[in-house]
């Protein structure tokens, strides 16, 4: 979609006259952006692209701004392992660990400065969060609204508390409307996520234009990836679910057209923690919405596979995925700053299977978060637990924990798409119970701030869990980034070799790689003769260098990973 086609979307959103005015201003924003020189980056993704997900202060040291500490650690330990860093919201904020943004345009002085962001961008691609659905109640925009400033009276959504809101999807077990005293008396404001996160009113074209301006500003500041947080909730319409509405898709199409015109190579990623069919709708027609969508079913399905020793559900789901277009791909992850979402596997896992995940999470020291269902009851929403602990019983040995954990991530790294690795996964972190106990915020069980010197001491100890995980990750990541078969869009064929294995063939011809992961704690034997014409009779495991004759039965030890490629 070009900027001329955007005019039609603006007319649909705002009417003929207002749409035409908005279009003229949008074109001016793009022209102003293009006047400044910009060095273009790669226009699409490569097999070397791996994203680290981290808070700006996940690694700290006394006397140093956290963003500088992160940069030092990244240069020392992550060069050659990851290509990009997703710095979770680093703006001034009032709650929700960054997602109640006070000022979109500033770096929190508790983390550092724009100069620190620019410094990190010299060595890594960066992903910024565009928290486009809501803003902090402490923001200047909202404070001006409360004071009666005419320029901000239509920036937020008021609603009669007596209105029928029964169809609205609630992501959390909190009130949808929050009363505030304004210069014009008490009003009820739409607050999807919390009373401190005030939803923005995209029915006002000024809001949309401000967000376009913001996205272009982030590109200027070094963002290659722009993550549209909670974007599915963007447009509100009474009598609907207020989720995934056509107007929301039109707005994303406008964002995409602007970025394609002004900053080609910038990648939009939508964060929509919903069932798979709704999630992939954000690809649009494959050219006009998100470049990347999160692969939300992958974390709970991988967890279920290892807890049961049965990958059949994961295999069936992966086999059902339709190929992406040449300019779209999945963002694959197992853990993030949030919990392990359960909504994406509705209709894939049965109630008893979901209950197993709940039971095992609590048995392994985790917590459960709930949301309000449309019927008014509470239903489980996500598992709050370190992914390492979710997979492992607390009393197991570090060696066994690391082996199972790395096998799970080998599935992530084998699949078509771009891998996203949470920093606490890469570093082998376990449950941080103190984070929850001191705050009452369940998600903080997986958000520990690590003191850099102590972290590096643990990484230097080859027997420590951190070292075992990080060293194993290093081998997987270096191998993956060197193989064309792991390009995000390289062909993928899911194979069913029994429930004990997850098997995928990536690439084709002499570059093809057969990936086998044993999801059980028992030895497995399989015959691979004739499994693919792309594989020669003799193959080598890229991770160990061992040779295998594929006309002979092959043995996989418990939680073993094999990436087999034809020997030249």
Protein backbone atom coordinates (compact mmCIF):
# COMPACT_ATOMS: atom_id res chain seq x y z
CA UNK A 1 0.00 0.00 0.00
CA UNK A 2 1.39 3.42 -0.95
CA UNK A 3 0.56 6.78 0.60
CA UNK A 4 -2.14 7.43 -2.00
CA UNK A 5 -3.94 4.25 -0.97
CA UNK A 6 -3.65 5.39 2.66
CA UNK A 7 -5.98 8.26 1.80
CA UNK A 8 -8.84 5.79 1.36
CA UNK A 9 -8.21 4.23 4.78
CA UNK A 10 -8.20 7.67 6.37
CA UNK A 11 -11.51 8.52 4.70
CA UNK A 12 -13.00 5.28 6.02
CA UNK A 13 -11.82 6.13 9.53
CA UNK A 14 -12.57 9.85 9.66
CA UNK A 15 -14.87 10.81 6.81
CA UNK A 16 -14.19 12.71 3.62
CA UNK A 17 -13.05 16.09 4.91
CA UNK A 18 -11.17 15.00 8.06
CA UNK A 19 -9.62 12.09 6.18
CA UNK A 20 -8.30 14.42 3.49
CA UNK A 21 -6.81 16.78 6.10
CA UNK A 22 -5.18 13.87 7.94
CA UNK A 23 -3.71 12.58 4.69
CA UNK A 24 -2.08 15.91 3.85
CA UNK A 25 -0.50 16.09 7.30
CA UNK A 26 0.65 12.48 7.14
CA UNK A 27 2.37 13.10 3.80
CA UNK A 28 4.14 16.12 5.32
CA UNK A 29 5.40 13.98 8.21
CA UNK A 30 6.92 11.51 5.75
CA UNK A 31 8.48 14.28 3.65
CA UNK A 32 10.01 15.91 6.71
CA UNK A 33 11.46 12.56 7.81
CA UNK A 34 12.95 11.93 4.37
CA UNK A 35 14.81 15.27 4.36
CA UNK A 36 17.23 13.93 6.94
CA UNK A 37 19.96 11.59 5.63
CA UNK A 38 19.57 7.96 6.68
CA UNK A 39 21.82 4.98 6.02
CA UNK A 40 19.58 2.15 4.81
CA UNK A 41 19.94 -1.23 6.47
CA UNK A 42 19.08 -4.70 5.13
CA UNK A 43 15.66 -4.79 3.50
CA UNK A 44 14.68 -8.16 4.98
CA UNK A 45 15.65 -10.84 7.45
CA UNK A 46 18.48 -13.36 7.38
CA UNK A 47 19.37 -16.61 9.15
CA UNK A 48 21.75 -14.62 11.37
CA UNK A 49 18.87 -12.63 12.88
CA UNK A 50 18.29 -13.54 16.54
CA UNK A 51 16.64 -11.13 18.99
CA UNK A 52 17.47 -10.86 22.69
CA UNK A 53 14.51 -9.67 24.81
CA UNK A 54 15.50 -7.69 27.91
CA UNK A 55 14.64 -4.83 30.18
CA UNK A 56 17.04 -1.91 30.12
CA UNK A 57 17.98 -2.72 33.71
CA UNK A 58 18.03 -6.52 33.62
CA UNK A 59 21.81 -6.29 34.20
CA UNK A 60 23.01 -3.66 36.65
CA UNK A 61 26.23 -2.54 38.30
CA UNK A 62 26.92 0.15 40.84
CA UNK A 63 27.84 3.56 39.50
CA UNK A 64 26.85 2.85 35.90
CA UNK A 65 23.66 3.61 33.98
CA UNK A 66 21.89 0.27 33.39
CA UNK A 67 21.80 0.75 29.61
CA UNK A 68 25.59 1.11 29.65
CA UNK A 69 25.92 -2.01 31.76
CA UNK A 70 23.71 -3.86 29.28
CA UNK A 71 25.86 -2.64 26.39
CA UNK A 72 29.09 -3.75 28.07
CA UNK A 73 27.69 -7.18 28.84
CA UNK A 74 26.25 -7.55 25.34
CA UNK A 75 29.52 -6.70 23.65
CA UNK A 76 31.46 -9.08 25.90
CA UNK A 77 29.10 -12.05 25.89
CA UNK A 78 26.51 -11.72 23.11
CA UNK A 79 28.52 -10.70 20.06
CA UNK A 80 28.16 -13.50 17.54
CA UNK A 81 25.12 -14.96 19.35
CA UNK A 82 22.40 -12.37 18.74
CA UNK A 83 21.95 -9.70 16.09
CA UNK A 84 19.31 -7.55 17.77
CA UNK A 85 18.20 -6.45 21.23
CA UNK A 86 14.59 -5.76 22.15
CA UNK A 87 14.86 -3.24 24.98
CA UNK A 88 11.50 -3.39 26.74
CA UNK A 89 9.95 0.06 27.39
CA UNK A 90 12.78 2.31 28.49
CA UNK A 91 10.71 5.48 28.75
CA UNK A 92 9.64 7.22 31.97
CA UNK A 93 6.71 5.22 33.37
CA UNK A 94 4.39 5.00 36.36
CA UNK A 95 3.46 1.28 36.55
CA UNK A 96 3.32 -2.09 34.77
CA UNK A 97 7.12 -2.27 34.63
CA UNK A 98 7.30 0.21 31.77
CA UNK A 99 4.02 -0.25 29.92
CA UNK A 100 2.32 2.77 31.52
CA UNK A 101 4.39 5.33 29.64
CA UNK A 102 4.58 8.88 31.01
CA UNK A 103 6.59 10.30 28.09
CA UNK A 104 7.00 8.41 24.81
CA UNK A 105 9.78 10.72 23.66
CA UNK A 106 12.28 10.35 26.51
CA UNK A 107 14.58 7.71 27.99
CA UNK A 108 14.04 7.18 31.70
CA UNK A 109 16.87 8.86 33.58
CA UNK A 110 16.97 5.78 35.81
CA UNK A 111 18.18 3.79 32.79
CA UNK A 112 20.34 6.21 30.83
CA UNK A 113 19.92 8.48 27.83
CA UNK A 114 19.32 8.54 24.09
CA UNK A 115 23.10 8.60 23.73
CA UNK A 116 23.22 5.18 25.44
CA UNK A 117 20.57 3.86 23.06
CA UNK A 118 22.54 5.22 20.10
CA UNK A 119 25.71 3.59 21.42
CA UNK A 120 24.05 0.18 21.66
CA UNK A 121 22.69 0.60 18.12
CA UNK A 122 26.27 0.73 16.81
CA UNK A 123 26.66 -3.02 17.39
CA UNK A 124 23.12 -4.43 17.48
CA UNK A 125 19.84 -3.87 15.71
CA UNK A 126 17.26 -2.57 18.18
CA UNK A 127 13.60 -3.23 18.81
CA UNK A 128 11.59 -0.46 20.50
CA UNK A 129 8.16 -0.80 22.04
CA UNK A 130 5.46 1.45 20.63
CA UNK A 131 2.90 1.33 23.44
CA UNK A 132 0.16 2.56 21.14
CA UNK A 133 -3.02 1.48 22.95
CA UNK A 134 -2.67 3.47 26.17
CA UNK A 135 -0.64 6.03 28.10
CA UNK A 136 0.05 6.65 31.79
CA UNK A 137 -2.45 8.56 33.91
CA UNK A 138 0.56 10.64 34.95
CA UNK A 139 1.38 11.63 31.36
CA UNK A 140 1.21 15.25 30.32
CA UNK A 141 -1.46 14.36 27.75
CA UNK A 142 -3.80 12.96 30.36
CA UNK A 143 -3.09 15.66 32.91
CA UNK A 144 -3.99 18.28 30.31
CA UNK A 145 -7.18 16.36 29.59
CA UNK A 146 -8.12 16.40 33.28
CA UNK A 147 -7.40 20.15 33.41
CA UNK A 148 -9.75 20.82 30.52
CA UNK A 149 -7.19 21.67 27.81
CA UNK A 150 -9.30 21.71 24.59
CA UNK A 151 -6.44 20.19 22.54
CA UNK A 152 -6.64 16.95 24.56
CA UNK A 153 -10.38 16.54 25.20
CA UNK A 154 -10.73 13.95 22.44
CA UNK A 155 -7.49 12.07 23.17
CA UNK A 156 -9.23 9.60 25.51
CA UNK A 157 -12.44 7.57 25.60
CA UNK A 158 -15.27 8.40 27.97
CA UNK A 159 -18.07 5.91 28.46
CA UNK A 160 -21.34 5.76 30.37
CA UNK A 161 -20.83 3.17 33.13
CA UNK A 162 -24.37 1.99 32.46
CA UNK A 163 -23.54 1.05 28.85
CA UNK A 164 -23.68 -2.59 27.82
CA UNK A 165 -20.03 -3.68 27.84
CA UNK A 166 -20.73 -7.39 28.09
CA UNK A 167 -19.17 -8.22 24.71
CA UNK A 168 -15.88 -6.44 25.39
CA UNK A 169 -12.91 -8.77 25.81
CA UNK A 170 -11.15 -8.18 29.13
CA UNK A 171 -7.45 -9.13 29.20
CA UNK A 172 -7.18 -8.77 32.98
CA UNK A 173 -9.42 -9.23 36.00
CA UNK A 174 -9.79 -5.46 36.47
CA UNK A 175 -12.56 -2.92 35.80
CA UNK A 176 -12.83 -1.76 32.18
CA UNK A 177 -13.85 1.80 33.15
CA UNK A 178 -12.20 4.02 35.76
CA UNK A 179 -13.75 7.20 37.24
CA UNK A 180 -11.66 10.39 37.22
CA UNK A 181 -12.46 13.88 38.46
CA UNK A 182 -11.96 16.33 35.60
CA UNK A 183 -12.47 20.08 35.25
CA UNK A 184 -15.92 19.18 33.91
CA UNK A 185 -16.84 16.81 36.72
CA UNK A 186 -16.48 13.06 37.14
CA UNK A 187 -16.03 11.03 33.99
CA UNK A 188 -15.48 7.33 33.38
CA UNK A 189 -12.49 6.60 31.17
CA UNK A 190 -11.75 3.44 29.21
CA UNK A 191 -8.84 1.61 30.86
CA UNK A 192 -8.36 -1.80 29.26
CA UNK A 193 -5.31 -2.82 31.30
CA UNK A 194 -5.37 -0.81 34.54
CA UNK A 195 -6.55 2.43 36.11
CA UNK A 196 -3.09 3.85 35.43
CA UNK A 197 -3.17 3.00 31.70
CA UNK A 198 -5.63 5.25 29.89
CA UNK A 199 -6.69 4.06 26.45
CA UNK A 200 -6.11 6.45 23.56
CA UNK A 201 -8.96 7.49 21.27
CA UNK A 202 -8.08 6.67 17.67
CA UNK A 203 -11.40 8.09 16.52
CA UNK A 204 -9.55 11.39 16.86
CA UNK A 205 -7.17 11.72 13.86
CA UNK A 206 -4.81 13.78 16.04
CA UNK A 207 -4.03 10.63 18.03
CA UNK A 208 -3.20 8.64 14.89
CA UNK A 209 -0.97 11.41 13.55
CA UNK A 210 0.85 11.67 16.87
CA UNK A 211 1.56 7.95 16.74
CA UNK A 212 2.84 8.14 13.16
CA UNK A 213 5.14 10.95 14.29
CA UNK A 214 6.28 8.78 17.21
CA UNK A 215 7.08 5.75 15.06
CA UNK A 216 9.21 7.89 12.73
CA UNK A 217 10.96 9.40 15.76
CA UNK A 218 11.83 5.90 17.01
CA UNK A 219 13.29 5.01 13.62
CA UNK A 220 15.46 8.14 13.80
CA UNK A 221 16.64 7.01 17.23
CA UNK A 222 17.85 3.64 15.95
CA UNK A 223 14.88 1.24 15.93
CA UNK A 224 14.93 -1.39 13.20
CA UNK A 225 11.99 -3.28 14.73
CA UNK A 226 8.87 -1.55 16.09
CA UNK A 227 6.77 -3.68 18.42
CA UNK A 228 3.12 -2.57 18.51
CA UNK A 229 2.13 -3.44 22.07
CA UNK A 230 -1.45 -4.64 22.75
CA UNK A 231 -2.37 -3.38 19.30
CA UNK A 232 -5.43 -5.61 18.91
CA UNK A 233 -7.38 -3.43 21.36
CA UNK A 234 -6.78 -0.18 19.46
CA UNK A 235 -10.29 0.68 18.23
CA UNK A 236 -13.34 0.66 20.51
CA UNK A 237 -16.91 0.24 19.29
CA UNK A 238 -19.76 -0.47 21.68
CA UNK A 239 -21.65 -3.64 20.83
CA UNK A 240 -18.47 -5.43 19.72
CA UNK A 241 -15.61 -7.27 21.40
CA UNK A 242 -13.40 -4.18 20.79
CA UNK A 243 -10.70 -6.62 19.67
CA UNK A 244 -9.32 -7.13 16.13
CA UNK A 245 -11.81 -4.67 14.63
CA UNK A 246 -11.40 -3.71 10.94
CA UNK A 247 -10.45 -0.18 11.95
CA UNK A 248 -7.51 -1.56 13.93
CA UNK A 249 -6.24 -3.35 10.83
CA UNK A 250 -6.63 -0.18 8.76
CA UNK A 251 -4.51 1.76 11.26
CA UNK A 252 -1.76 -0.87 11.12
CA UNK A 253 -1.91 -0.70 7.33
CA UNK A 254 -1.35 3.06 7.58
CA UNK A 255 1.64 2.52 9.87
CA UNK A 256 3.07 -0.05 7.43
CA UNK A 257 2.60 2.21 4.38
CA UNK A 258 4.29 5.13 6.13
CA UNK A 259 7.29 3.03 7.16
CA UNK A 260 7.62 1.35 3.76
CA UNK A 261 7.72 4.80 2.17
CA UNK A 262 9.85 6.65 4.71
CA UNK A 263 12.10 3.96 6.18
CA UNK A 264 12.15 0.75 4.11
CA UNK A 265 13.72 -2.10 6.06
CA UNK A 266 11.96 -1.10 9.30
CA UNK A 267 10.00 -4.10 10.58
CA UNK A 268 6.62 -3.97 12.31
CA UNK A 269 5.84 -6.69 14.84
CA UNK A 270 2.38 -6.98 16.40
CA UNK A 271 1.89 -8.25 19.95
CA UNK A 272 -1.49 -9.99 20.04
CA UNK A 273 -1.69 -12.76 22.64
CA UNK A 274 -4.77 -14.44 21.16
CA UNK A 275 -5.74 -17.66 19.38
CA UNK A 276 -3.67 -18.43 16.30
CA UNK A 277 -6.23 -17.55 13.60
CA UNK A 278 -6.76 -14.08 15.06
CA UNK A 279 -3.02 -13.62 15.56
CA UNK A 280 -2.01 -14.30 11.96
CA UNK A 281 -4.73 -11.95 10.69
CA UNK A 282 -2.19 -9.22 11.48
CA UNK A 283 -0.14 -10.31 8.47
CA UNK A 284 -2.92 -8.72 6.41
CA UNK A 285 -2.52 -9.79 2.80
CA UNK A 286 1.15 -10.61 3.38
CA UNK A 287 2.35 -7.19 2.23
CA UNK A 288 0.32 -4.54 4.02
CA UNK A 289 0.34 -5.10 7.82
CA UNK A 290 2.86 -6.67 10.22
CA UNK A 291 6.13 -8.09 8.97
CA UNK A 292 6.27 -10.34 12.06
CA UNK A 293 3.72 -11.78 14.48
CA UNK A 294 4.48 -13.54 17.75
CA UNK A 295 4.11 -17.31 17.63
CA UNK A 296 2.08 -17.44 20.85
CA UNK A 297 1.02 -21.13 20.80
CA UNK A 298 4.66 -22.27 20.76
CA UNK A 299 5.52 -21.68 24.48
CA UNK A 300 2.60 -23.65 26.01
CA UNK A 301 2.72 -26.42 23.39
CA UNK A 302 6.47 -26.92 23.83
CA UNK A 303 6.03 -26.97 27.59
CA UNK A 304 3.22 -29.51 27.32
CA UNK A 305 5.36 -31.72 25.06
CA UNK A 306 8.18 -31.98 27.58
CA UNK A 307 5.96 -32.34 30.64
CA UNK A 308 4.14 -35.28 29.03
CA UNK A 309 6.94 -36.67 26.83
CA UNK A 310 4.49 -36.40 23.93
CA UNK A 311 5.06 -33.93 21.08
CA UNK A 312 2.05 -35.01 19.01
CA UNK A 313 0.03 -31.85 19.75
CA UNK A 314 3.01 -29.65 18.90
CA UNK A 315 3.70 -31.64 15.74
CA UNK A 316 0.10 -31.43 14.54
CA UNK A 317 -0.09 -27.70 15.20
CA UNK A 318 3.26 -26.96 13.50
CA UNK A 319 2.23 -29.06 10.50
CA UNK A 320 -0.97 -27.00 10.16
CA UNK A 321 0.85 -23.66 9.80
CA UNK A 322 0.44 -22.07 6.41
CA UNK A 323 3.60 -20.74 4.72
CA UNK A 324 4.35 -17.06 5.23
CA UNK A 325 4.73 -14.66 2.34
CA UNK A 326 8.21 -13.63 1.23
CA UNK A 327 7.93 -10.49 3.36
CA UNK A 328 6.37 -11.91 6.53
CA UNK A 329 7.60 -14.31 9.17
CA UNK A 330 6.90 -15.58 12.66
CA UNK A 331 8.60 -14.30 15.79
CA UNK A 332 9.25 -17.50 17.72
CA UNK A 333 9.80 -17.42 21.47
CA UNK A 334 9.33 -19.59 24.56
CA UNK A 335 9.69 -17.01 27.32
CA UNK A 336 9.39 -13.27 27.64
CA UNK A 337 8.88 -10.59 30.27
CA UNK A 338 5.26 -11.77 30.49
CA UNK A 339 3.97 -15.17 31.51
CA UNK A 340 3.18 -18.19 29.33
CA UNK A 341 -0.15 -17.32 27.70
CA UNK A 342 -2.92 -19.92 27.63
CA UNK A 343 -5.41 -18.24 25.27
CA UNK A 344 -3.44 -19.17 22.14
CA UNK A 345 -3.90 -22.91 22.78
CA UNK A 346 -7.64 -22.80 23.28
CA UNK A 347 -8.99 -25.38 20.88
CA UNK A 348 -5.60 -27.13 20.69
CA UNK A 349 -5.25 -28.43 24.25
CA UNK A 350 -8.22 -29.97 26.06
CA UNK A 351 -9.32 -28.80 29.52
CA UNK A 352 -7.53 -31.69 31.24
CA UNK A 353 -4.34 -30.90 29.32
CA UNK A 354 -4.53 -27.23 30.29
CA UNK A 355 -5.10 -28.29 33.89
CA UNK A 356 -1.89 -30.30 33.76
CA UNK A 357 -0.01 -27.12 32.84
CA UNK A 358 -1.63 -25.29 35.75
CA UNK A 359 -0.85 -28.07 38.21
CA UNK A 360 2.76 -28.46 37.10
CA UNK A 361 3.35 -24.71 37.19
CA UNK A 362 2.27 -24.56 40.81
CA UNK A 363 4.22 -27.70 41.68
CA UNK A 364 7.35 -26.07 40.21
CA UNK A 365 6.99 -22.90 42.27
CA UNK A 366 5.01 -20.77 39.81
CA UNK A 367 1.80 -18.75 39.90
CA UNK A 368 -1.36 -18.44 37.79
CA UNK A 369 -2.88 -15.18 36.53
CA UNK A 370 -6.59 -14.91 35.75
CA UNK A 371 -8.81 -12.70 33.60
CA UNK A 372 -12.52 -11.90 33.46
CA UNK A 373 -14.35 -14.01 30.89
CA UNK A 374 -17.30 -12.53 28.93
CA UNK A 375 -19.60 -14.52 31.24
CA UNK A 376 -18.15 -12.70 34.24
CA UNK A 377 -16.20 -15.61 35.70
CA UNK A 378 -12.44 -15.86 36.20
CA UNK A 379 -10.45 -18.03 33.83
CA UNK A 380 -6.70 -18.83 33.77
CA UNK A 381 -4.87 -16.41 31.51
CA UNK A 382 -1.16 -17.12 31.88
CA UNK A 383 1.44 -19.09 33.80
CA UNK A 384 3.85 -16.92 35.78
CA UNK A 385 7.07 -18.87 36.12
CA UNK A 386 10.61 -19.00 34.77
CA UNK A 387 10.48 -21.17 31.65
CA UNK A 388 13.39 -23.18 33.04
CA UNK A 389 11.40 -23.97 36.19
CA UNK A 390 8.25 -24.63 34.18
CA UNK A 391 10.13 -27.46 32.45
CA UNK A 392 11.97 -28.81 35.50
CA UNK A 393 11.26 -29.99 39.00
CA UNK A 394 13.15 -27.88 41.58
CA UNK A 395 15.04 -30.91 42.93
CA UNK A 396 16.52 -32.02 39.59
CA UNK A 397 20.25 -31.71 38.89
CA UNK A 398 21.59 -28.66 37.01
CA UNK A 399 22.77 -30.96 34.21
CA UNK A 400 19.30 -32.44 33.65
CA UNK A 401 17.59 -29.05 33.89
CA UNK A 402 19.97 -27.57 31.31
CA UNK A 403 19.68 -30.51 28.93
CA UNK A 404 15.87 -30.46 28.86
CA UNK A 405 15.78 -26.66 28.66
CA UNK A 406 18.15 -26.56 25.70
CA UNK A 407 16.18 -29.27 23.92
CA UNK A 408 13.06 -27.13 24.24
CA UNK A 409 14.89 -24.16 22.78
CA UNK A 410 16.25 -26.30 19.96
CA UNK A 411 12.62 -26.62 18.83
CA UNK A 412 12.31 -22.84 18.84
CA UNK A 413 15.57 -22.46 16.89
CA UNK A 414 14.65 -25.14 14.36
CA UNK A 415 11.37 -23.64 13.22
CA UNK A 416 10.70 -21.20 10.40
CA UNK A 417 10.82 -17.64 11.72
CA UNK A 418 12.99 -15.29 13.76
CA UNK A 419 13.99 -16.50 17.26
CA UNK A 420 13.42 -14.27 20.26
CA UNK A 421 15.37 -15.29 23.37
CA UNK A 422 14.46 -13.80 26.75
CA UNK A 423 17.55 -12.75 28.68
CA UNK A 424 16.60 -14.86 31.70
CA UNK A 425 16.36 -17.91 29.45
CA UNK A 426 19.73 -17.27 27.84
CA UNK A 427 21.25 -16.86 31.30
CA UNK A 428 19.55 -19.84 32.94
CA UNK A 429 17.58 -17.86 35.52
CA UNK A 430 15.14 -19.60 37.83
CA UNK A 431 12.09 -18.29 39.68
CA UNK A 432 12.72 -14.96 41.39
CA UNK A 433 10.20 -15.38 44.17
CA UNK A 434 11.40 -12.27 45.95
CA UNK A 435 10.20 -10.15 43.02
CA UNK A 436 6.64 -11.33 43.52
CA UNK A 437 6.79 -11.36 47.34
CA UNK A 438 7.95 -7.73 47.56
CA UNK A 439 5.52 -6.34 44.97
CA UNK A 440 2.53 -8.67 44.68
CA UNK A 441 3.07 -8.55 40.89
CA UNK A 442 3.08 -12.14 39.64
CA UNK A 443 5.03 -11.42 36.48
CA UNK A 444 8.03 -10.23 38.49
CA UNK A 445 8.81 -13.86 39.28
CA UNK A 446 10.53 -13.79 35.88
CA UNK A 447 11.97 -10.25 35.93
CA UNK A 448 14.98 -10.37 38.23
CA UNK A 449 17.62 -7.65 37.96
CA UNK A 450 21.04 -9.31 37.83
CA UNK A 451 24.16 -7.79 39.35
CA UNK A 452 26.73 -7.96 36.57
CA UNK A 453 29.79 -9.01 38.58
CA UNK A 454 27.90 -11.86 40.29
CA UNK A 455 26.39 -12.93 36.97
CA UNK A 456 29.78 -13.11 35.32
CA UNK A 457 31.19 -15.13 38.22
CA UNK A 458 28.40 -17.68 37.78
CA UNK A 459 28.95 -17.83 34.03
CA UNK A 460 32.63 -18.50 34.64
CA UNK A 461 31.81 -21.56 36.79
CA UNK A 462 31.39 -24.46 34.31
CA UNK A 463 29.36 -26.47 36.83
CA UNK A 464 26.77 -23.75 37.46
CA UNK A 465 23.31 -23.90 35.93
CA UNK A 466 23.83 -20.50 34.32
CA UNK A 467 27.03 -21.63 32.65
CA UNK A 468 25.57 -24.93 31.46
CA UNK A 469 22.61 -23.14 29.87
CA UNK A 470 24.57 -20.23 28.40
CA UNK A 471 27.31 -22.43 26.95
CA UNK A 472 24.75 -24.76 25.38
CA UNK A 473 22.82 -21.82 23.98
CA UNK A 474 26.01 -20.45 22.48
CA UNK A 475 26.63 -23.62 20.48
CA UNK A 476 23.02 -23.71 19.23
CA UNK A 477 22.94 -20.05 18.24
CA UNK A 478 26.31 -20.00 16.49
CA UNK A 479 25.37 -23.09 14.50
CA UNK A 480 21.94 -21.80 13.56
CA UNK A 481 23.24 -18.43 12.39
CA UNK A 482 25.69 -20.08 9.98
CA UNK A 483 23.18 -22.22 8.08
CA UNK A 484 21.05 -20.95 5.13
CA UNK A 485 18.48 -23.67 5.92
CA UNK A 486 17.56 -21.64 9.02
CA UNK A 487 16.68 -18.51 7.06
CA UNK A 488 13.34 -17.29 8.46
CA UNK A 489 11.62 -18.05 5.16
CA UNK A 490 13.50 -21.22 4.18
CA UNK A 491 11.18 -24.19 3.45
CA UNK A 492 9.90 -26.21 6.37
CA UNK A 493 8.38 -29.68 6.47
CA UNK A 494 7.11 -31.12 9.76
CA UNK A 495 7.63 -34.88 10.01
CA UNK A 496 5.89 -37.29 12.37
CA UNK A 497 8.35 -39.88 13.68
CA UNK A 498 6.29 -40.70 16.74
CA UNK A 499 5.16 -38.66 19.74
CA UNK A 500 8.53 -38.90 21.50
CA UNK A 501 10.29 -36.76 18.88
CA UNK A 502 9.73 -33.37 17.35
CA UNK A 503 11.09 -33.50 13.80
CA UNK A 504 11.34 -30.82 11.15
CA UNK A 505 13.18 -30.69 7.82
CA UNK A 506 14.47 -27.18 7.03
CA UNK A 507 15.76 -25.94 3.70
CA UNK A 508 16.21 -28.01 0.58
CA UNK A 509 18.87 -29.58 -1.58
CA UNK A 510 22.41 -29.94 -0.16
CA UNK A 511 21.74 -27.23 2.46
CA UNK A 512 18.76 -29.09 4.00
CA UNK A 513 18.92 -29.87 7.72
CA UNK A 514 16.94 -32.57 9.50
CA UNK A 515 16.20 -31.44 13.06
CA UNK A 516 15.31 -34.12 15.62
CA UNK A 517 14.60 -33.36 19.29
CA UNK A 518 13.83 -36.06 21.85
CA UNK A 519 11.18 -34.63 24.21
CA UNK A 520 11.43 -37.61 26.60
CA UNK A 521 13.73 -38.78 29.35
CA UNK A 522 14.21 -42.15 27.63
CA UNK A 523 16.37 -43.34 24.73
CA UNK A 524 14.63 -43.41 21.33
CA UNK A 525 15.54 -45.36 18.17
CA UNK A 526 14.27 -44.48 14.71
CA UNK A 527 14.77 -45.56 11.10
CA UNK A 528 15.40 -42.60 8.79
CA UNK A 529 16.08 -44.39 5.49
CA UNK A 530 14.28 -42.60 2.67
CA UNK A 531 13.00 -39.82 4.90
CA UNK A 532 13.90 -37.14 2.33
CA UNK A 533 15.56 -37.02 -1.10
CA UNK A 534 17.39 -33.90 0.10
CA UNK A 535 19.49 -35.97 2.52
CA UNK A 536 22.44 -38.07 1.36
CA UNK A 537 22.97 -41.56 2.87
CA UNK A 538 25.58 -40.12 5.22
CA UNK A 539 24.93 -37.07 7.38
CA UNK A 540 26.81 -35.12 10.01
CA UNK A 541 25.38 -33.63 13.19
CA UNK A 542 26.20 -29.91 13.06
CA UNK A 543 26.29 -29.64 16.85
CA UNK A 544 28.77 -32.43 17.61
CA UNK A 545 30.42 -33.30 14.29
CA UNK A 546 29.35 -36.96 14.61
CA UNK A 547 28.59 -38.87 11.41
CA UNK A 548 25.46 -40.95 10.89
CA UNK A 549 24.59 -43.50 8.23
CA UNK A 550 20.93 -42.79 7.56
CA UNK A 551 20.29 -46.30 6.26
CA UNK A 552 20.90 -47.57 9.79
CA UNK A 553 18.63 -47.07 12.84
CA UNK A 554 19.47 -43.89 14.69
CA UNK A 555 19.55 -43.52 18.49
CA UNK A 556 18.68 -40.37 20.41
CA UNK A 557 19.55 -40.15 24.09
CA UNK A 558 17.14 -38.47 26.53
CA UNK A 559 16.51 -34.84 25.46
CA UNK A 560 19.12 -35.14 22.72
CA UNK A 561 19.21 -32.66 19.83
CA UNK A 562 20.39 -33.64 16.35
CA UNK A 563 20.76 -31.21 13.44
CA UNK A 564 21.70 -33.51 10.57
CA UNK A 565 23.08 -32.24 7.27
CA UNK A 566 24.29 -34.27 4.31
CA UNK A 567 28.03 -34.80 4.36
CA UNK A 568 29.52 -33.19 1.24
